[in-house]
Protein backbone atom coordinates (compact mmCIF):
# COMPACT_ATOMS: atom_id res chain seq x y z
CA MET A 1 71.31 -10.94 -28.04
CA SER A 2 72.95 -7.54 -27.72
CA ARG A 3 71.41 -4.41 -29.17
CA PRO A 4 72.69 -3.39 -32.63
CA VAL A 5 75.46 -0.78 -32.75
CA SER A 6 73.84 2.46 -33.95
CA VAL A 7 75.83 4.16 -36.69
CA ALA A 8 75.23 7.49 -38.43
CA ILE A 9 76.56 8.36 -41.88
CA THR A 10 77.02 12.05 -42.61
CA GLY A 11 79.00 14.29 -44.95
CA GLY A 12 78.59 17.03 -47.53
CA ILE A 13 76.21 17.11 -50.47
CA GLY A 14 77.62 14.97 -53.28
CA ALA A 15 80.14 13.18 -51.06
CA GLY A 16 78.51 9.78 -51.56
CA LYS A 17 76.58 9.21 -48.33
CA THR A 18 73.79 7.31 -50.10
CA GLU A 19 76.24 5.01 -51.89
CA ALA A 20 77.91 4.33 -48.53
CA LEU A 21 74.51 3.60 -46.95
CA HIS A 22 73.71 1.06 -49.67
CA ALA A 23 77.13 -0.53 -49.18
CA PHE A 24 76.36 -0.99 -45.47
CA GLY A 25 73.12 -2.67 -46.50
CA ARG A 26 74.97 -5.04 -48.84
CA HIS A 27 77.24 -5.98 -45.94
CA GLY A 28 74.36 -6.96 -43.67
CA ALA A 29 73.52 -3.78 -41.75
CA ALA A 30 69.95 -2.58 -41.39
CA ILE A 31 69.78 0.80 -43.13
CA VAL A 32 67.50 3.84 -43.25
CA SER A 33 67.84 7.22 -44.95
CA SER A 34 66.69 10.50 -43.41
CA ASP A 35 65.99 11.74 -46.94
CA GLU A 36 63.65 8.80 -47.54
CA ILE A 37 61.88 9.55 -44.25
CA VAL A 38 61.45 13.18 -45.37
CA HIS A 39 60.06 11.99 -48.70
CA ARG A 40 57.55 9.78 -46.89
CA LEU A 41 56.52 12.63 -44.57
CA LEU A 42 55.90 14.90 -47.58
CA VAL A 43 53.66 12.22 -49.09
CA ASP A 44 51.87 10.82 -46.04
CA ASP A 45 51.86 13.37 -43.19
CA ASP A 46 48.81 15.63 -43.50
CA GLU A 47 50.08 18.02 -40.79
CA VAL A 48 53.34 18.51 -42.67
CA LYS A 49 51.51 19.08 -45.95
CA ALA A 50 49.12 21.59 -44.38
CA ALA A 51 52.00 23.52 -42.79
CA ILE A 52 53.87 23.62 -46.10
CA ARG A 53 50.78 24.84 -47.95
CA GLU A 54 50.26 27.59 -45.36
CA ARG A 55 53.89 28.75 -45.44
CA LEU A 56 54.89 28.22 -49.09
CA GLY A 57 51.56 28.33 -50.93
CA ASP A 58 49.72 26.17 -53.43
CA ASP A 59 52.39 26.38 -56.12
CA VAL A 60 54.59 23.79 -54.36
CA PHE A 61 51.84 21.19 -54.89
CA ASP A 62 50.94 19.36 -58.09
CA GLU A 63 47.45 18.92 -59.53
CA ASN A 64 46.91 15.86 -57.28
CA GLY A 65 47.72 17.79 -54.10
CA GLU A 66 51.14 16.18 -53.68
CA VAL A 67 54.20 18.14 -52.58
CA VAL A 68 56.71 18.69 -55.39
CA ARG A 69 60.11 18.55 -53.68
CA ALA A 70 61.88 20.50 -56.43
CA ARG A 71 59.44 23.40 -56.01
CA VAL A 72 59.92 23.35 -52.24
CA ALA A 73 63.69 23.45 -52.80
CA GLU A 74 63.30 26.47 -55.10
CA HIS A 75 61.56 28.30 -52.24
CA VAL A 76 63.80 27.28 -49.35
CA PHE A 77 67.34 27.04 -50.72
CA PRO A 78 67.73 30.79 -51.36
CA ASP A 79 65.78 31.79 -48.22
CA GLU A 80 67.50 31.00 -44.93
CA ASP A 81 64.38 31.73 -42.83
CA ALA A 82 62.27 29.39 -44.96
CA ARG A 83 64.97 26.72 -44.80
CA ASP A 84 65.19 27.00 -41.01
CA TRP A 85 61.40 26.81 -40.79
CA LEU A 86 61.23 23.68 -42.96
CA GLU A 87 64.02 21.97 -41.01
CA ALA A 88 62.25 22.80 -37.72
CA LEU A 89 59.04 21.28 -39.13
CA LEU A 90 60.63 18.09 -40.41
CA HIS A 91 63.60 17.39 -38.16
CA PRO A 92 61.78 16.28 -34.96
CA ARG A 93 59.56 13.97 -37.02
CA VAL A 94 62.55 12.46 -38.82
CA VAL A 95 64.37 11.85 -35.52
CA ARG A 96 61.28 10.17 -34.01
CA GLU A 97 61.02 7.89 -37.04
CA TYR A 98 64.62 6.74 -37.13
CA LEU A 99 64.81 6.23 -33.35
CA SER A 100 61.62 4.18 -33.51
CA TRP A 101 63.09 2.21 -36.43
CA GLN A 102 66.24 1.51 -34.39
CA ASP A 103 64.10 0.16 -31.55
CA GLU A 104 62.18 -2.07 -33.99
CA GLN A 105 65.45 -3.50 -35.29
CA ALA A 106 66.67 -4.18 -31.74
CA ARG A 107 63.47 -6.07 -30.90
CA LYS A 108 63.80 -8.52 -33.78
CA ALA A 109 64.32 -12.17 -32.91
CA GLU A 110 67.65 -11.94 -34.74
CA PRO A 111 68.64 -8.26 -34.67
CA PRO A 112 71.28 -6.99 -37.10
CA ALA A 113 74.76 -6.26 -35.76
CA LEU A 114 74.46 -2.65 -36.99
CA THR A 115 71.72 -0.13 -37.66
CA VAL A 116 72.96 2.57 -40.03
CA THR A 117 71.14 5.88 -40.55
CA GLU A 118 72.05 8.48 -43.16
CA VAL A 119 71.77 11.90 -41.46
CA PRO A 120 73.01 14.76 -43.70
CA LEU A 121 72.91 17.48 -41.00
CA LEU A 122 74.03 15.28 -38.11
CA TYR A 123 76.56 17.63 -36.51
CA GLU A 124 74.68 20.80 -37.44
CA VAL A 125 71.67 19.72 -35.34
CA GLY A 126 73.63 18.06 -32.52
CA GLY A 127 72.42 14.62 -33.57
CA GLU A 128 75.65 12.71 -33.00
CA SER A 129 74.65 11.98 -29.38
CA ARG A 130 71.90 9.68 -30.71
CA PHE A 131 74.45 7.29 -32.20
CA GLU A 132 77.28 5.15 -30.91
CA ARG A 133 79.50 5.61 -33.97
CA VAL A 134 79.72 8.21 -36.75
CA VAL A 135 81.01 7.64 -40.27
CA VAL A 136 81.88 10.73 -42.32
CA ILE A 137 81.99 10.40 -46.09
CA THR A 138 83.83 13.31 -47.66
CA ALA A 139 85.19 14.28 -51.06
CA PRO A 140 87.02 17.27 -52.54
CA VAL A 141 84.64 20.10 -53.37
CA GLU A 142 85.29 19.82 -57.11
CA VAL A 143 84.32 16.12 -57.03
CA ARG A 144 81.16 16.87 -55.03
CA ALA A 145 80.24 19.67 -57.48
CA LEU A 146 80.44 17.21 -60.39
CA ARG A 147 78.14 14.78 -58.56
CA HIS A 148 75.55 17.27 -57.35
CA PRO A 149 74.60 20.75 -58.63
CA LEU A 150 73.79 21.98 -55.11
CA ALA A 151 77.03 20.75 -53.53
CA ASP A 152 77.97 24.27 -52.40
CA ALA A 153 74.49 25.77 -52.02
CA ARG A 154 74.41 25.38 -48.24
CA GLY A 155 78.12 25.70 -47.64
CA THR A 156 78.08 28.62 -45.23
CA ARG A 157 75.58 26.93 -42.92
CA LEU A 158 77.36 23.60 -42.73
CA LEU A 159 80.15 22.52 -40.45
CA PRO A 160 83.41 22.39 -42.46
CA GLU A 161 84.24 18.94 -43.81
CA GLU A 162 87.52 18.95 -41.86
CA GLU A 163 85.66 19.46 -38.58
CA LYS A 164 83.20 16.67 -39.37
CA ALA A 165 86.11 14.36 -40.14
CA ARG A 166 87.88 15.33 -36.90
CA ARG A 167 84.81 14.44 -34.83
CA ALA A 168 83.98 11.17 -36.60
CA ASP A 169 84.90 7.61 -35.63
CA PHE A 170 85.52 6.61 -39.26
CA VAL A 171 86.31 8.81 -42.28
CA PHE A 172 86.43 7.94 -45.96
CA VAL A 173 87.58 10.32 -48.70
CA ASN A 174 85.31 9.21 -51.53
CA ASP A 175 87.23 10.36 -54.59
CA GLY A 176 87.90 6.93 -56.10
CA THR A 177 85.86 3.93 -57.16
CA LEU A 178 82.73 2.36 -55.71
CA ASP A 179 84.81 -0.76 -55.01
CA GLU A 180 87.10 1.31 -52.77
CA LEU A 181 84.08 2.69 -50.91
CA ASP A 182 82.71 -0.83 -50.58
CA ARG A 183 85.99 -2.12 -49.12
CA PHE A 184 86.03 0.72 -46.58
CA VAL A 185 82.45 -0.09 -45.53
CA ALA A 186 83.24 -3.81 -45.27
CA GLY A 187 86.09 -2.97 -42.88
CA VAL A 188 83.86 -0.78 -40.71
CA VAL A 189 81.17 -3.48 -40.58
CA GLU A 190 83.76 -6.09 -39.59
CA GLU A 191 85.23 -3.92 -36.86
CA LEU A 192 81.91 -2.86 -35.38
CA SER A 193 80.36 -6.34 -35.63
CA ARG A 194 83.21 -7.67 -33.49
CA SER A 195 82.51 -5.03 -30.85
CA SER A 196 78.71 -5.51 -30.76
């Protein structure tokens, strides 16, 4: 059987990337979230935890020695150097994990037609070359702000939504219903499954 088509989902904070990822899962794609990989690294990777403790201090850990993501965010969101440092720590590990996951899916006796990975900073880190197709989920800034309090917190560092949309293979403006998003995803799955 042919290797699954590798798809990345990206877009701004609050655009609805995670909802789109789950829709791909409902339509038969194998799915993985970079954010979930980060969460697992913060829980399980002792090197990551030690580096965070050294850079950010003990106050980003709870009484059980676990990283508290909200406290890390308080440190890194307002501090560009700290944010760059954290991304440099986590990003190579996240990429290794999702590429390994893609290979595992391809080796299955009955591989899925698509592997779909949610990658928030796909274009910003040059990650689009790791995927065959890119889906951008976008929404007007006022809609994203209603969905997520940090929708504009990283705005100056991110590629403009219009540029992401221009470079993508598929674009969905997610300012309507979940059913509309689901229909868009179903169409993408159908098109890409035919080409796999």
